[in-house]
N, C-alpha and C. Protein backbone atom coordinates (compact mmCIF):
# COMPACT_ATOMS: atom_id res chain seq x y z
N UNK A 1 -160.80 -14.87 -216.72
CA UNK A 1 -161.28 -16.26 -216.67
C UNK A 1 -162.28 -16.53 -217.18
N UNK A 2 -163.53 -15.37 -217.68
CA UNK A 2 -164.69 -15.76 -218.12
C UNK A 2 -164.90 -16.32 -219.62
N UNK A 3 -163.80 -16.00 -220.26
CA UNK A 3 -163.87 -16.01 -221.46
C UNK A 3 -163.43 -17.62 -222.02
N UNK A 4 -162.78 -18.10 -220.65
CA UNK A 4 -162.44 -19.70 -220.98
C UNK A 4 -162.74 -20.33 -219.92
N UNK A 5 -162.42 -21.71 -219.76
CA UNK A 5 -162.74 -22.50 -218.55
C UNK A 5 -161.21 -23.10 -217.99
N UNK A 6 -161.17 -23.16 -217.02
CA UNK A 6 -159.94 -23.55 -216.09
C UNK A 6 -159.51 -24.81 -216.65
N UNK A 7 -160.39 -25.67 -217.25
CA UNK A 7 -159.94 -26.94 -217.91
C UNK A 7 -158.83 -26.86 -219.00
N UNK A 8 -158.94 -25.88 -219.93
CA UNK A 8 -158.12 -25.34 -220.86
C UNK A 8 -156.98 -25.16 -220.49
N UNK A 9 -156.93 -24.17 -219.13
CA UNK A 9 -155.68 -23.93 -218.60
C UNK A 9 -154.65 -25.20 -218.22
N UNK A 10 -155.40 -26.06 -217.30
CA UNK A 10 -154.80 -27.19 -216.81
C UNK A 10 -154.34 -28.15 -217.78
N UNK A 11 -154.95 -28.18 -219.09
CA UNK A 11 -154.66 -29.22 -220.20
C UNK A 11 -153.33 -28.39 -220.88
N UNK A 12 -153.41 -27.31 -221.11
CA UNK A 12 -152.12 -26.60 -221.59
C UNK A 12 -150.93 -26.80 -220.88
N UNK A 13 -151.04 -26.56 -219.38
CA UNK A 13 -149.96 -26.81 -218.60
C UNK A 13 -149.63 -27.99 -218.31
N UNK A 14 -150.54 -29.25 -218.44
CA UNK A 14 -150.20 -30.81 -218.37
C UNK A 14 -149.50 -30.98 -219.47
N UNK A 15 -149.93 -30.68 -220.74
CA UNK A 15 -149.14 -30.93 -222.03
C UNK A 15 -148.26 -30.07 -222.48
N UNK A 16 -147.83 -29.26 -221.75
CA UNK A 16 -146.61 -28.07 -221.92
C UNK A 16 -146.89 -27.67 -223.49
N UNK A 17 -148.08 -26.98 -223.46
CA UNK A 17 -148.15 -26.55 -224.95
C UNK A 17 -147.91 -25.01 -224.98
N UNK A 18 -147.41 -24.45 -226.29
CA UNK A 18 -146.77 -23.26 -226.26
C UNK A 18 -147.93 -22.29 -226.48
N UNK A 19 -148.72 -22.00 -225.48
CA UNK A 19 -149.94 -21.41 -225.70
C UNK A 19 -150.04 -19.96 -225.14
N UNK A 20 -150.16 -18.89 -225.57
CA UNK A 20 -149.99 -17.42 -224.60
C UNK A 20 -151.37 -17.38 -224.80
N UNK A 21 -151.90 -17.12 -223.42
CA UNK A 21 -153.36 -16.61 -223.08
C UNK A 21 -153.26 -15.02 -222.85
N UNK A 22 -153.88 -14.04 -223.54
CA UNK A 22 -154.09 -12.46 -223.16
C UNK A 22 -155.46 -12.27 -222.96
N UNK A 23 -155.85 -12.24 -221.60
CA UNK A 23 -157.16 -11.81 -221.14
C UNK A 23 -157.16 -10.33 -220.89
N UNK A 24 -158.49 -9.78 -221.57
CA UNK A 24 -158.47 -8.33 -221.09
C UNK A 24 -159.65 -8.32 -219.97
N UNK A 25 -159.26 -7.94 -218.85
CA UNK A 25 -160.40 -7.92 -217.52
C UNK A 25 -160.84 -6.79 -217.47
N UNK A 26 -162.09 -6.41 -217.60
CA UNK A 26 -162.91 -5.13 -217.30
C UNK A 26 -163.92 -5.53 -215.83
N UNK A 27 -163.62 -6.47 -215.29
CA UNK A 27 -163.99 -6.83 -214.17
C UNK A 27 -165.88 -6.82 -214.25
N UNK A 28 -166.40 -7.14 -215.43
CA UNK A 28 -167.68 -7.43 -215.40
C UNK A 28 -167.95 -8.23 -216.79
N UNK A 29 -169.01 -8.62 -216.78
CA UNK A 29 -169.69 -9.46 -218.06
C UNK A 29 -169.95 -8.27 -219.05
N UNK A 30 -169.00 -7.63 -219.78
CA UNK A 30 -169.03 -6.33 -220.43
C UNK A 30 -170.01 -6.24 -221.48
N UNK A 31 -170.06 -7.19 -222.53
CA UNK A 31 -170.92 -6.98 -223.59
C UNK A 31 -172.37 -6.91 -222.97
N UNK A 32 -172.63 -8.03 -222.36
CA UNK A 32 -174.13 -8.02 -221.66
C UNK A 32 -174.42 -6.93 -220.95
N UNK A 33 -173.60 -6.20 -220.24
CA UNK A 33 -174.00 -5.21 -219.19
C UNK A 33 -174.03 -4.04 -219.95
N UNK A 34 -173.24 -3.78 -221.25
CA UNK A 34 -173.75 -2.60 -222.00
C UNK A 34 -175.04 -2.67 -222.85
N UNK A 35 -175.36 -3.89 -223.16
CA UNK A 35 -176.83 -4.17 -223.66
C UNK A 35 -177.57 -3.64 -222.30
N UNK A 36 -177.41 -4.05 -221.33
CA UNK A 36 -178.32 -3.58 -220.37
C UNK A 36 -178.27 -2.29 -220.03
N UNK A 37 -176.94 -1.69 -220.11
CA UNK A 37 -176.92 -0.26 -220.05
C UNK A 37 -177.73 0.44 -221.18
N UNK A 38 -177.57 0.11 -222.19
CA UNK A 38 -178.23 0.90 -223.37
C UNK A 38 -179.59 0.93 -223.37
N UNK A 39 -180.24 -0.54 -223.13
CA UNK A 39 -181.66 -0.72 -223.57
C UNK A 39 -182.65 -1.21 -222.28
N UNK A 40 -182.07 -1.29 -221.11
CA UNK A 40 -183.09 -1.71 -220.11
C UNK A 40 -183.02 -0.64 -218.96
N UNK A 41 -182.67 0.68 -219.22
CA UNK A 41 -183.05 1.43 -218.33
C UNK A 41 -181.67 1.47 -217.18
N UNK A 42 -180.75 0.97 -217.76
CA UNK A 42 -179.31 1.02 -216.82
C UNK A 42 -179.71 -0.04 -215.75
N UNK A 43 -180.70 -0.99 -215.71
CA UNK A 43 -180.75 -1.84 -214.84
C UNK A 43 -179.93 -3.40 -215.16
N UNK A 44 -178.99 -3.29 -214.08
CA UNK A 44 -177.94 -4.45 -214.47
C UNK A 44 -178.58 -5.89 -213.47
N UNK A 45 -178.32 -6.77 -214.12
CA UNK A 45 -178.51 -8.28 -213.56
C UNK A 45 -177.47 -9.22 -213.98
N UNK A 46 -176.66 -9.79 -213.22
CA UNK A 46 -176.03 -11.21 -213.19
C UNK A 46 -174.67 -10.46 -214.08
N UNK A 47 -174.39 -9.44 -214.09
CA UNK A 47 -173.12 -8.92 -215.03
C UNK A 47 -172.00 -8.44 -214.11
N UNK A 48 -172.01 -8.27 -212.68
CA UNK A 48 -170.91 -8.02 -212.14
C UNK A 48 -170.49 -9.34 -211.19
N UNK A 49 -169.78 -10.21 -211.77
CA UNK A 49 -169.59 -11.75 -210.62
C UNK A 49 -168.52 -11.05 -209.85
N UNK A 50 -167.98 -10.10 -209.79
CA UNK A 50 -167.03 -9.76 -208.74
C UNK A 50 -165.49 -10.08 -209.19
N UNK A 51 -164.75 -9.37 -208.26
CA UNK A 51 -163.35 -9.74 -208.75
C UNK A 51 -162.64 -11.09 -208.63
N UNK A 52 -162.15 -11.53 -209.54
CA UNK A 52 -161.70 -13.02 -209.88
C UNK A 52 -160.26 -12.65 -210.05
N UNK A 53 -159.30 -13.37 -209.03
CA UNK A 53 -157.68 -12.99 -209.30
C UNK A 53 -157.59 -14.23 -210.32
N UNK A 54 -157.42 -13.54 -211.51
CA UNK A 54 -157.37 -14.59 -212.99
C UNK A 54 -155.76 -15.13 -213.00
N UNK A 55 -154.89 -14.04 -212.25
CA UNK A 55 -153.53 -14.88 -212.36
C UNK A 55 -153.41 -15.93 -211.46
N UNK A 56 -153.90 -15.81 -210.12
CA UNK A 56 -153.91 -17.07 -209.18
C UNK A 56 -154.66 -18.23 -209.65
N UNK A 57 -155.70 -18.31 -210.44
CA UNK A 57 -156.43 -19.04 -210.96
C UNK A 57 -155.65 -20.05 -212.31
N UNK A 58 -154.80 -19.14 -212.77
CA UNK A 58 -154.08 -19.53 -214.02
C UNK A 58 -152.84 -20.27 -213.29
N UNK A 59 -152.07 -19.49 -212.46
CA UNK A 59 -150.93 -20.30 -211.55
C UNK A 59 -151.53 -21.77 -210.84
N UNK A 60 -152.49 -21.69 -210.28
CA UNK A 60 -153.07 -22.84 -209.63
C UNK A 60 -153.33 -23.73 -210.53
N UNK A 61 -153.21 -23.66 -212.12
CA UNK A 61 -153.39 -24.61 -212.73
C UNK A 61 -152.37 -24.94 -213.40
N UNK A 62 -151.05 -24.33 -212.98
CA UNK A 62 -150.01 -24.82 -213.49
C UNK A 62 -149.32 -23.91 -214.50
N UNK A 63 -149.87 -22.74 -214.86
CA UNK A 63 -149.46 -22.09 -216.06
C UNK A 63 -148.85 -20.42 -215.41
N UNK A 64 -147.89 -20.57 -215.72
CA UNK A 64 -147.08 -19.02 -215.62
C UNK A 64 -147.78 -17.91 -215.83
N UNK A 65 -148.14 -16.96 -214.89
CA UNK A 65 -149.06 -16.00 -215.15
C UNK A 65 -148.61 -14.73 -214.71
N UNK A 66 -149.15 -13.66 -215.12
CA UNK A 66 -148.73 -12.26 -214.82
C UNK A 66 -149.86 -11.17 -214.92
N UNK A 67 -149.92 -10.36 -213.90
CA UNK A 67 -150.93 -9.15 -214.04
C UNK A 67 -150.04 -7.91 -214.97
N UNK A 68 -150.48 -7.68 -216.03
CA UNK A 68 -149.84 -6.75 -216.97
C UNK A 68 -150.78 -5.48 -216.58
N UNK A 69 -149.99 -4.46 -216.57
CA UNK A 69 -150.39 -3.10 -216.32
C UNK A 69 -150.04 -2.04 -217.27
N UNK A 70 -149.19 -2.38 -218.23
CA UNK A 70 -148.81 -1.43 -218.96
C UNK A 70 -148.51 -2.07 -220.40
N UNK A 71 -148.55 -1.17 -221.28
CA UNK A 71 -148.06 -1.52 -222.63
C UNK A 71 -146.70 -2.16 -222.49
N UNK A 72 -145.69 -1.44 -222.12
CA UNK A 72 -144.51 -1.82 -221.93
C UNK A 72 -144.06 -3.41 -221.30
N UNK A 73 -145.15 -3.62 -220.40
CA UNK A 73 -144.89 -4.90 -219.80
C UNK A 73 -145.68 -5.93 -220.71
N UNK A 74 -146.41 -5.76 -221.33
CA UNK A 74 -147.00 -6.40 -222.30
C UNK A 74 -146.23 -6.86 -223.32
N UNK A 75 -145.56 -5.84 -223.87
CA UNK A 75 -144.60 -5.95 -224.98
C UNK A 75 -143.52 -6.95 -224.70
N UNK A 76 -142.92 -6.50 -223.27
CA UNK A 76 -141.77 -7.47 -222.80
C UNK A 76 -142.29 -8.94 -222.42
N UNK A 77 -143.43 -9.14 -222.11
CA UNK A 77 -143.88 -10.75 -221.86
C UNK A 77 -144.13 -11.37 -223.33
N UNK A 78 -144.40 -10.52 -224.38
CA UNK A 78 -144.50 -10.99 -225.56
C UNK A 78 -143.50 -11.60 -226.07
N UNK A 79 -142.39 -10.44 -225.89
CA UNK A 79 -141.23 -10.80 -226.46
C UNK A 79 -140.25 -11.87 -225.87
N UNK A 80 -140.63 -11.99 -224.51
CA UNK A 80 -140.14 -13.27 -223.82
C UNK A 80 -140.60 -14.46 -224.38
N UNK A 81 -141.96 -14.75 -224.59
CA UNK A 81 -142.80 -15.77 -225.18
C UNK A 81 -142.15 -15.98 -226.35
N UNK A 82 -141.77 -15.27 -227.09
CA UNK A 82 -141.53 -15.73 -228.58
C UNK A 82 -140.43 -16.60 -228.90
N UNK A 83 -139.06 -16.19 -228.07
CA UNK A 83 -137.97 -17.21 -228.50
C UNK A 83 -138.17 -18.55 -227.60
N UNK A 84 -139.25 -18.59 -226.42
CA UNK A 84 -139.08 -19.61 -225.68
C UNK A 84 -140.79 -19.96 -225.25
N UNK A 85 -141.27 -20.43 -226.57
CA UNK A 85 -142.98 -20.78 -226.34
C UNK A 85 -143.10 -21.70 -225.06
N UNK A 86 -144.36 -21.36 -224.24
CA UNK A 86 -144.57 -22.26 -223.00
C UNK A 86 -146.03 -21.77 -223.03
N UNK A 87 -146.80 -22.47 -221.81
CA UNK A 87 -147.89 -22.05 -221.45
C UNK A 87 -147.67 -20.83 -220.76
N UNK A 88 -148.32 -19.71 -221.17
CA UNK A 88 -148.06 -18.29 -220.59
C UNK A 88 -149.63 -17.64 -220.26
N UNK A 89 -149.82 -17.04 -219.35
CA UNK A 89 -150.94 -16.39 -219.29
C UNK A 89 -150.86 -14.99 -218.81
N UNK A 90 -151.64 -13.95 -219.47
CA UNK A 90 -151.37 -12.21 -219.22
C UNK A 90 -152.74 -11.84 -219.10
N UNK A 91 -152.91 -11.32 -217.93
CA UNK A 91 -154.08 -10.85 -217.41
C UNK A 91 -154.01 -8.82 -217.65
N UNK A 92 -154.70 -8.84 -218.90
CA UNK A 92 -154.55 -7.03 -218.77
C UNK A 92 -155.81 -6.43 -218.52
N UNK A 93 -155.57 -5.47 -217.45
CA UNK A 93 -156.71 -4.67 -217.15
C UNK A 93 -156.90 -3.71 -218.12
N UNK A 94 -158.20 -3.58 -218.30
CA UNK A 94 -158.87 -2.45 -219.29
C UNK A 94 -159.84 -1.81 -218.63
N UNK A 95 -160.25 -0.51 -219.09
CA UNK A 95 -161.23 0.26 -218.69
C UNK A 95 -162.74 -0.53 -218.81
N UNK A 96 -163.44 -0.19 -217.83
CA UNK A 96 -164.69 -0.70 -217.82
C UNK A 96 -165.76 -0.42 -219.07
N UNK A 97 -166.22 -1.44 -219.37
CA UNK A 97 -166.90 -0.98 -220.85
C UNK A 97 -167.92 0.06 -220.64
N UNK A 98 -168.69 0.37 -219.64
CA UNK A 98 -169.50 1.02 -219.58
C UNK A 98 -168.97 2.76 -219.41
N UNK A 99 -167.74 2.94 -219.20
CA UNK A 99 -167.11 4.22 -219.49
C UNK A 99 -166.69 4.25 -220.83
N UNK A 100 -166.84 3.38 -221.82
CA UNK A 100 -166.44 3.72 -223.30
C UNK A 100 -167.32 2.67 -224.21
N UNK A 101 -168.17 3.21 -224.70
CA UNK A 101 -169.14 2.34 -225.61
C UNK A 101 -168.31 1.62 -226.69
N UNK A 102 -168.52 0.60 -226.95
CA UNK A 102 -167.71 -0.26 -227.81
C UNK A 102 -168.04 0.18 -229.35
N UNK A 103 -167.13 -0.15 -230.18
CA UNK A 103 -167.43 0.18 -231.60
C UNK A 103 -168.33 -0.68 -232.42
N UNK A 104 -169.63 -0.69 -231.92
CA UNK A 104 -170.54 -1.60 -232.34
C UNK A 104 -171.61 -0.75 -233.02
N UNK A 105 -171.75 -0.87 -234.71
CA UNK A 105 -172.74 -0.02 -235.14
C UNK A 105 -174.03 0.11 -234.72
N UNK A 106 -174.66 -0.98 -234.26
CA UNK A 106 -175.77 -1.05 -233.96
C UNK A 106 -176.18 -0.20 -232.48
N UNK A 107 -175.12 -0.06 -231.80
CA UNK A 107 -175.27 0.75 -230.39
C UNK A 107 -175.12 2.16 -230.19
N UNK A 108 -174.65 2.65 -231.67
CA UNK A 108 -174.30 4.05 -231.83
C UNK A 108 -175.53 4.88 -231.15
N UNK A 109 -176.55 4.44 -231.46
CA UNK A 109 -177.55 5.65 -231.07
C UNK A 109 -178.08 5.41 -229.27
N UNK A 110 -177.56 4.49 -228.72
CA UNK A 110 -177.74 4.23 -227.73
C UNK A 110 -177.27 5.26 -226.45
N UNK A 111 -176.09 5.63 -226.39
CA UNK A 111 -175.60 6.73 -225.43
C UNK A 111 -176.30 7.89 -225.72
N UNK A 112 -177.05 8.43 -226.76
CA UNK A 112 -178.03 9.71 -226.94
C UNK A 112 -179.13 9.49 -226.74
N UNK A 113 -179.47 8.16 -226.13
CA UNK A 113 -180.80 8.18 -225.50
C UNK A 113 -181.95 7.34 -226.11
N UNK A 114 -181.34 6.96 -227.47
CA UNK A 114 -182.24 6.17 -228.12
C UNK A 114 -182.46 4.50 -227.47
N UNK A 115 -183.64 4.44 -226.56
CA UNK A 115 -183.46 3.10 -226.13
C UNK A 115 -183.93 1.64 -226.95
N UNK A 116 -184.26 2.05 -228.19
CA UNK A 116 -184.99 1.15 -228.92
C UNK A 116 -183.95 0.15 -229.53
N UNK A 117 -184.04 -1.06 -228.68
CA UNK A 117 -182.87 -2.10 -229.30
C UNK A 117 -182.55 -2.61 -230.51
N UNK A 118 -181.83 -2.73 -231.14
CA UNK A 118 -181.57 -3.28 -232.52
C UNK A 118 -182.01 -4.77 -232.54
N UNK A 119 -182.57 -5.16 -233.81
CA UNK A 119 -182.62 -6.57 -233.98
C UNK A 119 -181.33 -7.13 -234.81
N UNK A 120 -180.94 -8.32 -234.12
CA UNK A 120 -179.65 -8.79 -234.65
C UNK A 120 -180.11 -9.92 -235.61
């Protein structure tokens, strides 16, 4: 739910738009948290807002919604969407970003202890 606002879910539902939402949930504001992890001495601020039941939120907006916990489930939902497009929300849980550094070239040195934050 963090990447979009509930208003879009309601609009897509009300207008019956053929939109497939796929959210990758890691239960934090991952990119910001990774910056704090690498460059602020692992002091985290405002990046763990708590668990949100995104499927319930999407459902509350009138969108068909599912929690997806396997690649097979994801493939089945996408295959079902293709012949009958409709408002559909899939919440895919992924590993917490702190456990896996994203492939961001500027962050390559961070895990080895280089605390100098790159300039973007």
